[in-house]
C-alpha atoms as a PDB file:
ATOM      1  CA  UNK A   1     -37.291  75.605 111.440  1.00  0.00           C
ATOM      2  CA  UNK A   2     -34.097  73.644 110.727  1.00  0.00           C
ATOM      3  CA  UNK A   3     -35.832  70.448 111.903  1.00  0.00           C
ATOM      4  CA  UNK A   4     -38.717  70.961 109.477  1.00  0.00           C
ATOM      5  CA  UNK A   5     -36.254  71.597 106.641  1.00  0.00           C
ATOM      6  CA  UNK A   6     -34.285  68.400 107.384  1.00  0.00           C
ATOM      7  CA  UNK A   7     -37.499  66.357 107.713  1.00  0.00           C
ATOM      8  CA  UNK A   8     -38.852  67.655 104.394  1.00  0.00           C
ATOM      9  CA  UNK A   9     -35.503  66.897 102.734  1.00  0.00           C
ATOM     10  CA  UNK A  10     -35.641  63.229 103.847  1.00  0.00           C
ATOM     11  CA  UNK A  11     -39.301  62.864 102.815  1.00  0.00           C
ATOM     12  CA  UNK A  12     -38.587  64.363  99.372  1.00  0.00           C
ATOM     13  CA  UNK A  13     -35.605  62.062  98.852  1.00  0.00           C
ATOM     14  CA  UNK A  14     -37.666  58.999  99.808  1.00  0.00           C
ATOM     15  CA  UNK A  15     -40.494  59.881  97.425  1.00  0.00           C
ATOM     16  CA  UNK A  16     -38.052  60.519  94.563  1.00  0.00           C
ATOM     17  CA  UNK A  17     -36.265  57.191  94.977  1.00  0.00           C
ATOM     18  CA  UNK A  18     -39.599  55.289  94.997  1.00  0.00           C
ATOM     19  CA  UNK A  19     -40.626  56.895  91.689  1.00  0.00           C
ATOM     20  CA  UNK A  20     -37.351  55.933  89.983  1.00  0.00           C
ATOM     21  CA  UNK A  21     -37.360  52.278  91.048  1.00  0.00           C
ATOM     22  CA  UNK A  22     -40.981  51.257  90.631  1.00  0.00           C
ATOM     23  CA  UNK A  23     -41.403  51.260  86.806  1.00  0.00           C
ATOM     24  CA  UNK A  24     -38.127  49.390  86.176  1.00  0.00           C
ATOM     25  CA  UNK A  25     -38.899  46.690  88.751  1.00  0.00           C
ATOM     26  CA  UNK A  26     -42.441  46.163  87.503  1.00  0.00           C
ATOM     27  CA  UNK A  27     -41.453  45.786  83.849  1.00  0.00           C
ATOM     28  CA  UNK A  28     -38.523  43.462  84.556  1.00  0.00           C
ATOM     29  CA  UNK A  29     -40.563  41.259  86.857  1.00  0.00           C
ATOM     30  CA  UNK A  30     -43.381  40.672  84.410  1.00  0.00           C
ATOM     31  CA  UNK A  31     -41.111  39.948  81.440  1.00  0.00           C
ATOM     32  CA  UNK A  32     -39.023  37.532  83.502  1.00  0.00           C
ATOM     33  CA  UNK A  33     -41.969  35.535  84.751  1.00  0.00           C
ATOM     34  CA  UNK A  34     -43.484  35.235  81.286  1.00  0.00           C
ATOM     35  CA  UNK A  35     -40.349  33.852  79.618  1.00  0.00           C
ATOM     36  CA  UNK A  36     -39.658  31.360  82.437  1.00  0.00           C
ATOM     37  CA  UNK A  37     -43.162  29.948  82.278  1.00  0.00           C
ATOM     38  CA  UNK A  38     -42.948  29.559  78.504  1.00  0.00           C
ATOM     39  CA  UNK A  39     -39.569  27.772  78.521  1.00  0.00           C
ATOM     40  CA  UNK A  40     -40.665  25.448  81.370  1.00  0.00           C
ATOM     41  CA  UNK A  41     -43.807  24.587  79.410  1.00  0.00           C
ATOM     42  CA  UNK A  42     -41.757  23.770  76.289  1.00  0.00           C
ATOM     43  CA  UNK A  43     -39.327  21.610  78.292  1.00  0.00           C
ATOM     44  CA  UNK A  44     -42.156  19.589  79.847  1.00  0.00           C
ATOM     45  CA  UNK A  45     -43.804  19.147  76.441  1.00  0.00           C
ATOM     46  CA  UNK A  46     -40.493  17.926  74.948  1.00  0.00           C
ATOM     47  CA  UNK A  47     -39.993  15.425  77.801  1.00  0.00           C
ATOM     48  CA  UNK A  48     -43.491  13.982  77.258  1.00  0.00           C
ATOM     49  CA  UNK A  49     -42.875  13.647  73.513  1.00  0.00           C
ATOM     50  CA  UNK A  50     -39.583  11.824  74.137  1.00  0.00           C
ATOM     51  CA  UNK A  51     -41.198   9.481  76.671  1.00  0.00           C
ATOM     52  CA  UNK A  52     -43.957   8.616  74.187  1.00  0.00           C
ATOM     53  CA  UNK A  53     -41.396   7.963  71.437  1.00  0.00           C
ATOM     54  CA  UNK A  54     -39.348   5.628  73.660  1.00  0.00           C
ATOM     55  CA  UNK A  55     -42.554   3.818  74.710  1.00  0.00           C
ATOM     56  CA  UNK A  56     -43.498   3.240  71.033  1.00  0.00           C
ATOM     57  CA  UNK A  57     -39.998   2.119  70.064  1.00  0.00           C
ATOM     58  CA  UNK A  58     -39.894  -1.546  69.070  1.00  0.00           C
ATOM     59  CA  UNK A  59     -36.083  -1.856  69.123  1.00  0.00           C
ATOM     60  CA  UNK A  60     -35.735  -2.378  72.860  1.00  0.00           C
ATOM     61  CA  UNK A  61     -32.124  -3.595  72.579  1.00  0.00           C
ATOM     62  CA  UNK A  62     -31.031  -0.054  71.754  1.00  0.00           C
ATOM     63  CA  UNK A  63     -31.932   0.901  75.309  1.00  0.00           C
ATOM     64  CA  UNK A  64     -30.667  -2.156  77.181  1.00  0.00           C
ATOM     65  CA  UNK A  65     -27.002  -3.043  77.605  1.00  0.00           C
ATOM     66  CA  UNK A  66     -25.869  -6.441  76.376  1.00  0.00           C
ATOM     67  CA  UNK A  67     -23.586  -8.940  78.065  1.00  0.00           C
ATOM     68  CA  UNK A  68     -19.900  -8.109  77.564  1.00  0.00           C
ATOM     69  CA  UNK A  69     -18.008 -10.267  75.092  1.00  0.00           C
ATOM     70  CA  UNK A  70     -15.177 -12.571  76.157  1.00  0.00           C
ATOM     71  CA  UNK A  71     -12.753 -10.047  74.670  1.00  0.00           C
ATOM     72  CA  UNK A  72     -14.288  -7.221  76.736  1.00  0.00           C
ATOM     73  CA  UNK A  73     -14.137  -9.374  79.868  1.00  0.00           C
ATOM     74  CA  UNK A  74     -10.410  -9.889  79.301  1.00  0.00           C
ATOM     75  CA  UNK A  75      -9.429  -6.350  78.288  1.00  0.00           C
ATOM     76  CA  UNK A  76     -11.660  -4.309  80.583  1.00  0.00           C
ATOM     77  CA  UNK A  77     -12.398  -6.827  83.327  1.00  0.00           C
ATOM     78  CA  UNK A  78      -9.366  -8.909  84.177  1.00  0.00           C
ATOM     79  CA  UNK A  79      -6.792  -6.529  82.638  1.00  0.00           C
ATOM     80  CA  UNK A  80      -8.670  -3.363  83.718  1.00  0.00           C
ATOM     81  CA  UNK A  81      -7.926  -1.452  80.493  1.00  0.00           C
ATOM     82  CA  UNK A  82      -4.209  -1.304  81.303  1.00  0.00           C
ATOM     83  CA  UNK A  83      -2.922  -3.216  78.268  1.00  0.00           C
ATOM     84  CA  UNK A  84      -2.429  -2.500  74.595  1.00  0.00           C
ATOM     85  CA  UNK A  85      -3.711  -5.103  72.152  1.00  0.00           C
ATOM     86  CA  UNK A  86      -2.286  -6.532  68.915  1.00  0.00           C
ATOM     87  CA  UNK A  87      -5.011  -7.930  66.672  1.00  0.00           C
ATOM     88  CA  UNK A  88      -4.682 -10.174  63.628  1.00  0.00           C
ATOM     89  CA  UNK A  89      -7.828 -11.035  61.647  1.00  0.00           C
ATOM     90  CA  UNK A  90     -10.015  -9.886  64.527  1.00  0.00           C
ATOM     91  CA  UNK A  91      -8.280 -12.097  67.113  1.00  0.00           C
ATOM     92  CA  UNK A  92      -5.734 -11.180  69.772  1.00  0.00           C
ATOM     93  CA  UNK A  93      -2.111 -12.005  68.954  1.00  0.00           C
ATOM     94  CA  UNK A  94      -0.506  -9.959  71.694  1.00  0.00           C
ATOM     95  CA  UNK A  95      -0.989  -7.910  74.844  1.00  0.00           C
ATOM     96  CA  UNK A  96       1.356  -5.408  76.424  1.00  0.00           C
ATOM     97  CA  UNK A  97       1.094  -3.435  79.648  1.00  0.00           C
ATOM     98  CA  UNK A  98       1.158   0.303  78.964  1.00  0.00           C
ATOM     99  CA  UNK A  99       2.859   2.028  81.872  1.00  0.00           C
ATOM    100  CA  UNK A 100       2.167   5.520  80.492  1.00  0.00           C
ATOM    101  CA  UNK A 101      -1.589   5.167  81.003  1.00  0.00           C
ATOM    102  CA  UNK A 102      -1.155   5.822  84.716  1.00  0.00           C
ATOM    103  CA  UNK A 103      -3.833   3.283  85.600  1.00  0.00           C
ATOM    104  CA  UNK A 104      -1.898   1.377  88.212  1.00  0.00           C
ATOM    105  CA  UNK A 105       0.339  -1.636  88.227  1.00  0.00           C
ATOM    106  CA  UNK A 106       0.297  -4.685  85.944  1.00  0.00           C
ATOM    107  CA  UNK A 107      -2.081  -7.464  86.989  1.00  0.00           C
ATOM    108  CA  UNK A 108      -1.043 -10.760  88.524  1.00  0.00           C
ATOM    109  CA  UNK A 109      -1.710 -13.947  86.555  1.00  0.00           C
ATOM    110  CA  UNK A 110      -0.942 -16.820  88.863  1.00  0.00           C
ATOM    111  CA  UNK A 111      -1.732 -19.634  86.404  1.00  0.00           C
ATOM    112  CA  UNK A 112      -0.713 -19.012  82.771  1.00  0.00           C
ATOM    113  CA  UNK A 113      -2.258 -22.269  81.540  1.00  0.00           C
ATOM    114  CA  UNK A 114      -5.641 -21.464  83.069  1.00  0.00           C
ATOM    115  CA  UNK A 115      -5.436 -17.908  81.674  1.00  0.00           C
ATOM    116  CA  UNK A 116      -4.770 -19.128  78.125  1.00  0.00           C
ATOM    117  CA  UNK A 117      -7.540 -21.753  78.246  1.00  0.00           C
ATOM    118  CA  UNK A 118     -10.094 -19.362  79.783  1.00  0.00           C
ATOM    119  CA  UNK A 119      -9.761 -16.975  76.823  1.00  0.00           C
ATOM    120  CA  UNK A 120      -8.813 -19.495  74.094  1.00  0.00           C
ATOM    121  CA  UNK A 121     -11.643 -18.416  71.773  1.00  0.00           C
ATOM    122  CA  UNK A 122     -10.180 -14.936  71.262  1.00  0.00           C
ATOM    123  CA  UNK A 123      -6.495 -15.778  70.670  1.00  0.00           C
ATOM    124  CA  UNK A 124      -5.012 -15.631  67.157  1.00  0.00           C
ATOM    125  CA  UNK A 125      -4.281 -19.393  67.159  1.00  0.00           C
ATOM    126  CA  UNK A 126      -6.994 -22.063  67.487  1.00  0.00           C
ATOM    127  CA  UNK A 127      -6.057 -24.672  70.093  1.00  0.00           C
ATOM    128  CA  UNK A 128      -7.760 -26.974  72.581  1.00  0.00           C
ATOM    129  CA  UNK A 129      -5.108 -27.397  75.281  1.00  0.00           C
ATOM    130  CA  UNK A 130      -1.763 -26.023  76.412  1.00  0.00           C
ATOM    131  CA  UNK A 131       1.424 -27.531  77.727  1.00  0.00           C
ATOM    132  CA  UNK A 132       4.202 -25.694  79.530  1.00  0.00           C
ATOM    133  CA  UNK A 133       7.404 -25.681  77.438  1.00  0.00           C
ATOM    134  CA  UNK A 134       9.552 -23.457  79.649  1.00  0.00           C
ATOM    135  CA  UNK A 135       9.092 -21.651  82.935  1.00  0.00           C
ATOM    136  CA  UNK A 136      11.509 -19.021  84.192  1.00  0.00           C
ATOM    137  CA  UNK A 137      11.194 -16.163  86.661  1.00  0.00           C
ATOM    138  CA  UNK A 138      10.169 -13.566  84.095  1.00  0.00           C
ATOM    139  CA  UNK A 139       8.848 -15.679  81.212  1.00  0.00           C
ATOM    140  CA  UNK A 140       6.623 -18.684  80.682  1.00  0.00           C
ATOM    141  CA  UNK A 141       6.364 -20.368  77.285  1.00  0.00           C
ATOM    142  CA  UNK A 142       3.393 -22.591  76.459  1.00  0.00           C
ATOM    143  CA  UNK A 143       2.826 -24.874  73.499  1.00  0.00           C
ATOM    144  CA  UNK A 144      -0.639 -24.497  71.999  1.00  0.00           C
ATOM    145  CA  UNK A 145      -2.010 -27.916  71.005  1.00  0.00           C
ATOM    146  CA  UNK A 146      -4.974 -28.674  68.740  1.00  0.00           C
ATOM    147  CA  UNK A 147      -7.556 -31.442  69.244  1.00  0.00           C
ATOM    148  CA  UNK A 148      -5.397 -33.935  67.322  1.00  0.00           C
ATOM    149  CA  UNK A 149      -2.399 -33.406  69.612  1.00  0.00           C
ATOM    150  CA  UNK A 150      -0.345 -31.307  67.192  1.00  0.00           C
ATOM    151  CA  UNK A 151       1.490 -28.185  68.327  1.00  0.00           C
ATOM    152  CA  UNK A 152      -0.087 -25.287  66.404  1.00  0.00           C
ATOM    153  CA  UNK A 153       1.606 -22.366  68.111  1.00  0.00           C
ATOM    154  CA  UNK A 154       3.311 -20.909  71.158  1.00  0.00           C
ATOM    155  CA  UNK A 155       2.329 -18.388  73.803  1.00  0.00           C
ATOM    156  CA  UNK A 156       4.979 -16.257  75.508  1.00  0.00           C
ATOM    157  CA  UNK A 157       3.906 -14.703  78.811  1.00  0.00           C
ATOM    158  CA  UNK A 158       6.312 -12.144  80.252  1.00  0.00           C
ATOM    159  CA  UNK A 159       6.396 -10.890  83.844  1.00  0.00           C
ATOM    160  CA  UNK A 160       8.159  -8.082  85.698  1.00  0.00           C
ATOM    161  CA  UNK A 161      10.600  -8.832  88.579  1.00  0.00           C
ATOM    162  CA  UNK A 162       7.652  -8.818  91.014  1.00  0.00           C
ATOM    163  CA  UNK A 163       5.838 -11.533  89.029  1.00  0.00           C
ATOM    164  CA  UNK A 164       3.190  -9.274  87.479  1.00  0.00           C
ATOM    165  CA  UNK A 165       2.021  -9.905  83.907  1.00  0.00           C
ATOM    166  CA  UNK A 166       3.563  -7.466  81.413  1.00  0.00           C
ATOM    167  CA  UNK A 167       3.003  -8.998  77.970  1.00  0.00           C
ATOM    168  CA  UNK A 168       1.748 -11.882  75.874  1.00  0.00           C
ATOM    169  CA  UNK A 169       2.810 -12.866  72.380  1.00  0.00           C
ATOM    170  CA  UNK A 170       1.061 -15.650  70.485  1.00  0.00           C
ATOM    171  CA  UNK A 171       2.823 -17.118  67.458  1.00  0.00           C
ATOM    172  CA  UNK A 172       1.961 -19.861  64.980  1.00  0.00           C
END
């Protein structure tokens, strides 16, 4: 008799727990599936509309990167974004290594004359050639010369004790 009572107790408990869980699971499952299908459908529709709009767009340059400017090549290429820039009338009059950026060490410029000539179109002074005026361990001074042979300015390149480029100042 005790065995029948225990068996009926377990059967009753099992039937009761099935009744309580079934309606909640069925209603949650159906609502979930419906909302996921609808949002997925909207996302796919939006993607197709965007693709069609881009395909119709006549301004292709908005989607294609252009060649970097000489200024960008200097500041973000050779100098790797490690230097502050002084600008006068849209042209560079000075550069200075910013140690607080935490982007590494100053760069090495082995040939100051070549460096100045390579980027001559972006400096604050127009010149066609350079001539070394003074060369010391931590500073090189160059005369900036125009096409008629006149000195039109000076460039001061400063270096740290290890010979790495720390600053440039261009004056008229």
